[in-house]
């Protein structure tokens, strides 16, 4: 189950990066290098609205998979490597110094 969620999470993460880069920006317009300039002609005047909805959908899926994975890995499991009680190490007596004077 967790491996499926991890795969979905990685796929949505990559898709979210690509979707954000393809959107038209007001600054440097990084999406133009990936061909986002033609997206307005393809989607018409609602291109920004469509891309915004896709971005929101991918972000919601990303957050849900993040929370689900955090819940699965944060819950205490029944199998643990640590014993239920740890005994204190036995105290070893300190060696007595010898006074060997000749």
Foldseek 3Di string as FASTA:
>chain_A
DLVVLVVVLVVLVVVLVLLVLLDQDPPPNSNVVVPSVCQCVVVPPCSNVVSVVVNVVSVVSNVVSVVVNCVVVVDDDPDDPDDPDDDDDDDDDDDDDDDDDD
